[in-house]
Protein backbone atom coordinates (compact mmCIF):
# COMPACT_ATOMS: atom_id res chain seq x y z
CA MET A 1 20.61 -194.29 153.75
CA LYS A 2 21.73 -190.80 154.83
CA LEU A 3 23.37 -188.54 152.13
CA TRP A 4 26.94 -188.55 153.16
CA GLN A 5 26.30 -191.96 153.67
CA ARG A 6 26.02 -192.91 150.07
CA THR A 7 28.04 -190.36 148.81
CA ARG A 8 31.27 -191.60 150.43
CA ARG A 9 30.13 -195.24 149.29
CA ALA A 10 30.15 -194.14 145.85
CA ALA A 11 33.22 -192.44 146.05
CA TYR A 12 35.08 -195.67 147.65
CA MET A 13 33.44 -197.25 144.46
CA ALA A 14 35.04 -195.11 142.45
CA TYR A 15 38.35 -195.61 143.91
CA ALA A 16 38.40 -199.41 143.57
CA GLY A 17 36.94 -199.54 139.93
CA TRP A 18 34.16 -199.54 138.20
CA LYS A 19 33.11 -203.06 138.63
CA GLY A 20 32.40 -205.16 142.25
CA SER A 21 30.33 -207.34 143.67
CA THR A 22 27.18 -205.35 144.11
CA TRP A 23 27.86 -202.88 141.15
CA ASP A 24 28.97 -202.33 137.60
CA PHE A 25 29.95 -199.06 135.92
CA SER A 26 32.08 -201.31 132.95
CA ASN A 27 29.66 -200.36 130.26
CA TRP A 28 29.31 -196.83 130.89
CA PHE A 29 32.34 -195.69 128.85
CA GLY A 30 31.75 -194.17 125.66
CA ARG A 31 27.84 -194.74 125.91
CA THR A 32 25.22 -192.45 124.69
CA PHE A 33 22.99 -192.95 127.58
CA TRP A 34 19.36 -191.10 126.36
CA GLY A 35 19.79 -193.04 122.80
CA ILE A 36 19.13 -189.77 121.42
CA ASP A 37 22.52 -187.74 119.17
CA ASN A 38 21.20 -184.26 118.88
CA SER A 39 25.03 -183.20 117.84
CA GLN A 40 25.53 -180.97 115.29
CA LEU A 41 28.99 -182.03 114.09
CA ALA A 42 27.78 -184.42 111.58
CA THR A 43 25.66 -181.71 109.94
CA ASN A 44 27.10 -178.62 109.77
CA GLU A 45 30.50 -178.38 108.07
CA THR A 46 31.74 -175.17 109.56
CA ILE A 47 31.42 -176.55 113.14
CA PHE A 48 32.94 -179.87 112.56
CA SER A 49 35.51 -177.87 111.42
CA VAL A 50 36.55 -175.22 114.32
CA ILE A 51 35.50 -177.89 116.45
CA SER A 52 38.16 -180.56 115.08
CA ARG A 53 40.89 -177.90 114.69
CA LEU A 54 40.67 -176.97 118.59
CA ALA A 55 40.48 -180.96 119.43
CA ASN A 56 43.38 -181.83 117.32
CA THR A 57 45.39 -178.79 118.60
CA ILE A 58 45.00 -179.34 122.20
CA SER A 59 45.72 -183.32 121.85
CA ALA A 60 48.81 -182.43 120.00
CA LEU A 61 50.15 -180.46 122.41
CA PRO A 62 53.05 -181.64 124.56
CA ILE A 63 52.28 -181.40 128.28
CA LYS A 64 55.10 -182.39 130.88
CA LEU A 65 55.31 -183.18 134.92
CA HIS A 66 57.30 -180.00 135.93
CA GLN A 67 59.62 -179.64 138.98
CA HIS A 68 61.57 -176.40 139.51
CA TYR A 69 61.53 -175.95 135.61
CA ASP A 70 62.93 -179.66 135.62
CA VAL A 71 60.77 -182.13 133.68
CA ILE A 72 60.14 -185.32 136.03
CA GLN A 73 57.64 -188.43 135.77
CA ASN A 74 55.85 -189.86 138.39
CA GLU A 75 52.87 -192.16 139.06
CA ALA A 76 50.37 -189.23 137.83
CA SER A 77 52.44 -187.69 134.85
CA ASP A 78 52.67 -191.16 133.54
CA VAL A 79 48.68 -192.27 133.53
CA LEU A 80 48.04 -188.59 131.96
CA ILE A 81 50.34 -189.11 129.25
CA ASN A 82 51.15 -192.21 128.12
CA GLU A 83 47.67 -194.54 129.14
CA PRO A 84 44.95 -192.58 130.76
CA ASN A 85 43.17 -196.03 130.58
CA GLN A 86 42.86 -199.33 128.67
CA ASN A 87 41.56 -197.96 125.73
CA MET A 88 42.82 -194.84 125.15
CA SER A 89 46.14 -192.84 124.36
CA SER A 90 46.52 -188.98 126.00
CA PHE A 91 45.61 -187.98 122.58
CA ASP A 92 42.66 -189.57 122.44
CA LEU A 93 41.52 -188.53 126.09
CA LEU A 94 42.98 -185.01 125.53
CA ASN A 95 40.75 -184.99 122.45
CA ALA A 96 37.13 -186.13 123.45
CA LEU A 97 37.46 -183.78 126.78
CA GLU A 98 37.77 -181.22 123.99
CA VAL A 99 35.56 -182.16 121.87
CA SER A 100 32.77 -182.58 124.11
CA ARG A 101 33.34 -179.28 125.63
CA ASN A 102 33.19 -177.04 122.11
CA GLU A 103 29.56 -179.73 121.51
CA THR A 104 28.13 -179.36 125.30
CA GLY A 105 29.42 -176.70 126.87
CA ASN A 106 31.08 -179.54 129.34
CA GLY A 107 33.82 -182.00 129.31
CA TYR A 108 33.74 -184.77 132.20
CA ALA A 109 36.34 -187.62 132.76
CA ILE A 110 36.43 -189.56 136.51
CA ILE A 111 39.77 -190.21 137.91
CA LEU A 112 39.75 -194.14 139.64
CA ARG A 113 42.38 -194.14 142.61
CA ASP A 114 44.34 -197.30 144.28
CA ILE A 115 44.25 -197.96 147.76
CA ARG A 116 46.94 -194.83 148.28
CA MET A 117 44.72 -192.36 146.55
CA ARG A 118 46.92 -192.37 143.46
CA PRO A 119 45.02 -192.44 140.17
CA VAL A 120 45.59 -194.79 137.98
CA GLU A 121 42.92 -194.37 135.11
CA ILE A 122 40.93 -191.64 133.64
CA ILE A 123 37.89 -192.21 131.81
CA PRO A 124 35.59 -189.81 129.99
CA LEU A 125 31.89 -189.89 130.12
CA ASP A 126 28.77 -188.65 128.59
CA PRO A 127 28.29 -184.47 129.64
CA SER A 128 24.23 -186.02 129.47
CA SER A 129 25.19 -188.83 131.98
CA VAL A 130 26.60 -186.09 134.71
CA THR A 131 24.60 -183.89 136.37
CA GLU A 132 26.46 -181.37 139.29
CA PHE A 133 24.81 -180.49 142.36
CA ILE A 134 25.80 -178.42 145.85
CA ASN A 135 25.67 -180.59 148.51
CA LYS A 136 23.87 -178.83 150.79
CA ASP A 137 24.98 -180.59 154.60
CA ASP A 138 28.81 -179.20 154.00
CA SER A 139 28.66 -177.15 150.65
CA LEU A 140 30.64 -179.54 148.76
CA LEU A 141 30.32 -179.92 145.00
CA TRP A 142 29.65 -183.09 143.75
CA TYR A 143 28.79 -184.87 140.93
CA GLN A 144 25.63 -187.39 140.39
CA VAL A 145 26.54 -190.17 136.98
CA GLN A 146 23.53 -192.02 136.07
CA GLY A 147 23.76 -195.23 134.71
CA GLU A 148 21.42 -197.40 132.49
CA GLN A 149 20.20 -199.28 136.17
CA LYS A 150 21.63 -197.28 139.28
CA ASN A 151 23.56 -193.76 139.73
CA MET A 152 26.74 -192.89 141.56
CA PHE A 153 28.11 -189.64 143.33
CA VAL A 154 31.36 -188.14 142.47
CA SER A 155 33.44 -185.78 144.56
CA ASN A 156 34.77 -182.88 142.77
CA ALA A 157 38.62 -184.00 143.53
CA ASP A 158 37.82 -186.71 141.53
CA MET A 159 36.13 -185.86 138.09
CA ILE A 160 38.02 -183.80 135.74
CA HIS A 161 35.78 -180.77 134.33
CA VAL A 162 36.37 -178.60 131.45
CA LYS A 163 34.39 -176.38 130.47
CA HIS A 164 32.86 -173.13 128.66
CA ILE A 165 32.34 -169.82 130.39
CA ARG A 166 29.57 -169.80 132.85
CA GLY A 167 27.68 -167.17 135.05
CA PRO A 168 28.33 -166.88 138.70
CA ALA A 169 25.46 -168.73 139.74
CA ARG A 170 26.27 -171.66 137.54
CA ILE A 171 28.15 -174.77 137.69
CA ARG A 172 27.95 -176.20 134.07
CA GLY A 173 29.58 -174.47 131.17
CA LEU A 174 27.60 -172.66 128.22
CA SER A 175 27.25 -174.61 125.01
CA PRO A 176 28.50 -172.51 122.23
CA LEU A 177 25.62 -174.89 119.87
CA LYS A 178 23.20 -173.15 122.17
CA VAL A 179 24.16 -169.55 121.43
CA LEU A 180 24.48 -170.39 117.86
CA ALA A 181 21.22 -171.82 117.26
CA ASN A 182 19.59 -169.71 115.19
CA THR A 183 23.11 -169.10 113.25
CA ILE A 184 22.99 -173.44 112.51
CA LYS A 185 18.78 -173.05 111.77
CA TYR A 186 19.89 -170.00 109.39
CA ASP A 187 22.54 -171.58 107.48
CA LYS A 188 20.67 -174.74 107.53
CA ALA A 189 17.37 -172.74 105.83
CA VAL A 190 19.65 -171.28 103.50
CA GLN A 191 21.20 -174.28 101.88
CA GLU A 192 17.99 -176.22 101.40
CA PHE A 193 16.48 -173.57 99.68
CA SER A 194 19.73 -173.31 97.05
CA LEU A 195 19.81 -177.07 96.99
CA ALA A 196 15.79 -177.16 96.01
CA GLU A 197 16.28 -174.30 93.45
CA MET A 198 19.28 -176.11 92.38
CA GLU A 199 17.13 -179.62 91.70
CA LYS A 200 14.35 -177.74 89.51
CA LYS A 201 13.98 -178.38 85.97
CA GLU A 202 13.94 -176.22 83.33
CA SER A 203 10.76 -174.77 83.53
CA PHE A 204 9.30 -172.53 80.16
CA ILE A 205 5.62 -170.66 79.48
CA LEU A 206 4.44 -171.33 75.87
CA LYS A 207 2.18 -168.77 74.46
CA TYR A 208 0.34 -169.36 71.50
CA ALA A 209 -1.84 -166.60 69.89
CA ALA A 210 -4.62 -168.71 69.28
CA ASN A 211 -6.54 -171.09 72.12
CA VAL A 212 -5.97 -174.78 71.83
CA ASP A 213 -8.28 -177.67 73.02
CA SER A 214 -6.52 -179.94 75.73
CA GLU A 215 -5.84 -182.61 73.53
CA LYS A 216 -2.90 -180.29 70.92
CA ARG A 217 -1.92 -178.61 73.63
CA ASP A 218 -0.83 -182.44 75.06
CA ARG A 219 0.47 -182.93 72.26
CA ILE A 220 2.39 -179.17 71.64
CA ILE A 221 4.21 -179.97 75.82
CA ALA A 222 5.24 -183.45 74.26
CA ASP A 223 6.81 -182.53 70.84
CA PHE A 224 8.49 -179.53 73.36
CA ARG A 225 9.67 -181.88 75.59
CA ARG A 226 11.52 -184.29 73.03
CA TYR A 227 13.11 -181.38 70.69
CA TYR A 228 14.13 -180.10 73.93
CA ALA A 229 15.83 -182.99 74.86
CA GLU A 230 17.36 -183.81 71.63
CA ASN A 231 19.20 -180.86 70.31
CA GLY A 232 20.39 -180.07 73.72
CA GLY A 233 18.44 -177.49 75.16
CA ILE A 234 18.04 -175.48 71.89
CA LEU A 235 14.35 -174.17 71.58
CA PHE A 236 12.75 -173.08 68.22
CA GLN A 237 10.32 -170.63 68.67
CA GLU A 238 7.71 -170.49 65.94
CA GLN A 239 5.74 -167.51 64.57
CA GLY A 240 2.91 -166.72 66.82
CA VAL A 241 4.54 -168.68 69.58
CA GLU A 242 6.69 -166.73 72.12
CA VAL A 243 8.55 -169.21 74.82
CA THR A 244 9.81 -167.49 78.31
CA GLU A 245 12.03 -169.24 80.48
CA LEU A 246 11.05 -169.49 84.14
CA LYS A 247 14.14 -168.22 85.89
CA LYS A 248 15.15 -170.10 89.05
CA GLN A 249 15.94 -167.90 92.32
CA TYR A 250 18.98 -169.60 93.32
CA PHE A 251 22.31 -167.23 93.19
CA ALA A 252 25.27 -168.36 93.76
CA SER A 253 26.27 -165.34 95.48
CA ASP A 254 23.55 -165.34 97.73
CA THR A 255 25.14 -168.85 99.27
CA LEU A 256 28.51 -167.64 99.30
CA ALA A 257 27.54 -164.49 101.37
CA SER A 258 25.15 -166.76 104.02
CA GLU A 259 28.40 -169.13 103.96
CA ARG A 260 30.59 -166.08 105.13
CA ILE A 261 27.78 -164.71 108.01
CA THR A 262 27.90 -168.55 109.32
CA ARG A 263 31.75 -168.62 109.73
CA SER A 264 31.97 -165.13 110.66
CA ARG A 265 29.48 -165.93 113.69
CA VAL A 266 31.13 -169.60 114.23
CA ALA A 267 34.47 -167.83 114.40
CA ASN A 268 32.98 -165.13 117.07
CA VAL A 269 31.23 -167.74 119.45
CA PHE A 270 34.59 -170.18 119.59
CA ASN A 271 36.69 -167.70 119.75
CA VAL A 272 39.09 -168.15 116.42
CA PRO A 273 40.17 -166.08 113.83
CA VAL A 274 37.82 -166.07 110.85
CA SER A 275 40.59 -167.26 108.80
CA PHE A 276 41.27 -170.92 110.73
CA LEU A 277 37.85 -171.40 108.51
CA ASN A 278 39.13 -170.54 105.24
CA ASP A 279 37.91 -166.74 105.26
CA VAL A 280 40.48 -165.45 103.91
CA GLU A 281 38.90 -162.18 102.67
CA GLY A 282 39.45 -159.36 105.15
CA GLY A 283 42.75 -160.58 106.83
CA THR A 284 44.41 -157.69 108.77
CA MET A 285 47.52 -159.85 109.98
CA ALA A 286 50.51 -159.12 108.35
CA SER A 287 52.03 -162.47 109.07
CA ASN A 288 51.41 -166.66 109.97
CA GLU A 289 53.32 -165.68 112.96
CA GLN A 290 51.33 -163.01 113.80
CA LEU A 291 48.20 -164.90 113.17
CA MET A 292 49.38 -167.62 115.32
CA ILE A 293 50.21 -165.47 118.10
CA GLN A 294 46.62 -164.34 118.58
CA PHE A 295 45.20 -167.54 117.97
CA VAL A 296 47.71 -168.74 121.31
CA ASN A 297 47.04 -165.63 123.11
CA MET A 298 43.66 -165.47 123.07
CA THR A 299 42.47 -168.55 122.22
CA LEU A 300 44.58 -171.26 122.88
CA LEU A 301 45.86 -170.09 126.23
CA PRO A 302 42.86 -169.85 128.46
CA ILE A 303 41.73 -173.30 127.31
CA VAL A 304 45.49 -174.95 128.10
CA ARG A 305 45.12 -173.00 131.44
CA GLN A 306 42.23 -174.46 132.78
CA TYR A 307 43.11 -177.64 131.88
CA GLU A 308 46.58 -177.23 133.80
CA HIS A 309 44.65 -176.15 137.08
CA GLU A 310 42.06 -179.25 136.97
CA PHE A 311 45.50 -181.60 136.09
CA ASN A 312 47.44 -179.64 139.13
CA ARG A 313 44.20 -179.78 141.37
CA LYS A 314 43.47 -183.13 141.21
CA LEU A 315 46.48 -185.28 139.78
CA LEU A 316 48.74 -183.66 142.08
CA THR A 317 48.73 -183.81 146.45
CA LYS A 318 49.17 -181.28 148.05
CA ALA A 319 52.56 -182.29 149.40
CA ASP A 320 53.18 -182.87 145.27
CA ARG A 321 52.40 -179.23 144.64
CA LYS A 322 54.45 -177.82 147.49
CA GLN A 323 57.05 -180.15 146.34
CA GLY A 324 56.74 -177.61 143.03
CA MET A 325 55.29 -180.17 140.70
CA TYR A 326 52.91 -178.43 137.88
CA PHE A 327 51.91 -180.26 134.93
CA LYS A 328 52.58 -177.41 131.73
CA PHE A 329 51.60 -178.14 128.13
CA ASN A 330 54.14 -176.84 125.90
CA LEU A 331 52.67 -174.24 123.06
CA GLY A 332 56.33 -172.73 122.13
CA GLY A 333 55.96 -174.72 119.03
CA LEU A 334 53.00 -172.76 117.82
CA LEU A 335 54.96 -169.84 117.97
CA ARG A 336 58.19 -170.34 117.02
CA GLY A 337 56.85 -168.70 113.23
CA ASP A 338 58.84 -169.50 109.92
CA THR A 339 62.31 -170.57 109.46
CA THR A 340 63.43 -166.59 108.99
CA ALA A 341 61.64 -166.14 112.34
CA ARG A 342 62.78 -169.05 114.43
CA THR A 343 66.24 -168.22 112.98
CA ASN A 344 66.87 -164.59 114.12
CA PHE A 345 64.90 -165.69 117.35
CA TYR A 346 67.57 -168.55 117.81
CA GLN A 347 70.60 -166.15 117.25
CA ALA A 348 69.51 -163.76 119.33
CA MET A 349 69.13 -166.55 122.79
CA LEU A 350 72.41 -167.95 122.02
CA ARG A 351 74.77 -164.70 121.73
CA SER A 352 73.10 -162.81 125.07
CA GLY A 353 73.55 -166.10 127.06
CA ALA A 354 69.53 -166.96 127.46
CA MET A 355 70.01 -170.40 126.00
CA LYS A 356 72.40 -173.68 124.80
CA PRO A 357 73.28 -174.75 121.89
CA ASP A 358 71.78 -178.18 123.01
CA GLU A 359 68.58 -176.53 124.21
CA VAL A 360 68.01 -174.91 120.41
CA ARG A 361 69.17 -178.45 118.86
CA MET A 362 66.23 -180.14 120.81
CA LEU A 363 63.76 -176.77 120.40
CA GLU A 364 64.72 -178.28 116.65
CA ASP A 365 63.67 -181.94 117.08
CA LEU A 366 67.86 -182.87 117.13
CA ALA A 367 69.72 -185.09 119.32
CA PRO A 368 71.87 -183.01 121.96
CA MET A 369 75.74 -183.16 120.86
CA GLY A 370 76.86 -182.59 124.73
CA GLY A 371 79.98 -180.82 125.95
CA MET A 372 80.83 -177.81 124.88
CA ALA A 373 77.70 -177.38 123.60
CA ASP A 374 75.88 -177.91 126.90
CA LYS A 375 76.97 -174.54 128.21
CA LEU A 376 76.10 -171.11 127.87
CA TRP A 377 77.70 -168.60 125.67
CA ILE A 378 77.52 -164.80 125.53
CA SER A 379 78.49 -162.87 122.38
CA GLY A 380 82.57 -160.80 122.59
CA ASP A 381 80.98 -157.44 121.97
CA LEU A 382 78.94 -157.87 124.71
CA TYR A 383 80.21 -156.73 128.44
CA PRO A 384 78.35 -156.59 132.07
CA GLN A 385 77.69 -152.98 132.66
CA GLU A 386 79.74 -153.03 135.72
CA MET A 387 82.90 -153.91 133.62
CA ASP A 388 85.78 -151.58 133.53
CA PRO A 389 85.50 -150.17 130.17
CA THR A 390 88.99 -150.06 130.41
CA LEU A 391 89.31 -153.76 130.82
CA ARG A 392 87.30 -153.84 127.17
CA LYS A 393 89.04 -155.31 124.07
CA SER A 394 89.23 -151.78 122.11
CA SER A 395 88.55 -152.29 118.27
CA THR A 396 91.69 -149.80 117.74
CA THR A 397 93.34 -152.77 119.35
CA THR A 398 91.91 -155.61 117.47
CA ALA A 399 92.81 -153.84 114.07
CA SER A 400 96.38 -153.20 114.95
CA THR A 401 96.63 -157.17 115.73
CA VAL A 402 95.12 -157.72 112.44
CA GLU A 403 97.12 -155.66 110.09
CA GLY A 404 100.50 -156.97 112.05
CA GLY A 405 101.45 -153.68 113.97
CA GLY A 406 102.24 -153.30 117.42
CA LYS A 407 100.04 -152.39 120.16
CA SER A 408 98.26 -148.64 119.73
CA GLU A 409 99.54 -146.15 122.31
C-alpha cells in the first residue's frame, strides 16, 4: 500500500475514533510505551518546582473563544474549554501538555473529529510514542504514533504540538532536561556526598604513649565506646593518651551554595525569575507587580501565544477565522497587582471613559449591576480637544455659584 493511502486511511481512523472493526487504539491513553520512566521530576525538587509552577499557571488561565472581542461559544470551544475528552477537564489537558512540553521538550494531543470534521475529543499522547516525519510526495508534516501492536499516521492538522525552541532543521523541540543534564548530575553528586558525610559516625584517633598488644587495644576501644555513649559524647583524656576527632567533610554552606547554583541554572533554562524558585537573595524588583510583569512578558506570553496559534489553526476552520473567531488566554488577572495598583488603574480607566463600572465589577468577580453601571462615563474636568473653550465650565463660575453669588462678569 502506498504511503498516501496508508496515511489517508489512518487519518480516517483518527476521525472515526480510537476503536473500530480492524483497529483498537483505546489503550494508548496515559500509557508509558517503552516501560521505562526516565523522568527527572521525581528526583529533583528544583525541576519539579519550576515545571509545576509553569504547568499550573498555564492550566489556571481563563481561555475563551472570541469573535471581534465578543465572547462566544461553539462546538470547538465547548470541547476545549469544558470537556476535551471523557476522562479529562480543560485544566487536566493543558496541565498534561505543559508538563510534557517542559519535561521532554514536546507536548502532543490528537484531535478526533466527527463526520463534519468538527473536533469531538482532544487526547494527550505520550511523547515517546510520537515521531515526526515529512512526506516526500507533498512535503507535508505527519506524525507516526506507535502503539503496542500497530502504528497510526496523523496529519499535522489533527495533532496539537506545543514545544520548546528548535532549530530550522528540527521539528521536535529541544528538551530542557537535556540542557540541564550536567546541572542535574552535579546537583545529585553534591547531595549524595553531603548525605554520605552526614550519615558518617563520629570518628577519633587514640594515641597512646606506649605500644599495646591487640587484646589490650580491643579493651581500650570497647571502653572508649562505652564511656562515650554513657556520658553523652563527653570524653575523658587520661595522661599519656591523646584523643583527636576526625572532622567530617560536610559543610552546610557548601550545600547552600550548590543549591543556589542549581536554582540559577534551572531558572535560566526555563526562563523564569529565580525568585520563583524561592531564591530571595539578589532580587532587583521593587515590587511584586514588576516581578509579575517580567514573568508574564518574558515567560508566559510566548508560551500562551504558541497554544493560541495551535488552537486557532487546528480547532477552528478557515471560515471560522474569516468570521473573526479566535481563542485567547486572559493574562489580565496576573497583571492586576495589589489592591492599591488595581484601584488606581480602575479609577483612571473609569474617569477616562475606557471602561464601564460593570466591567470593573466583572474583573473583580462581582455581578454586574446593569442600568447606568453599564454605560461609559467621563470625568467632569475633561473635555474633547476640539471643544470651544468658551463652552467649558469655568472654575470662577463654580465657586461663585457655590458661595451663593451671582454669575461672574
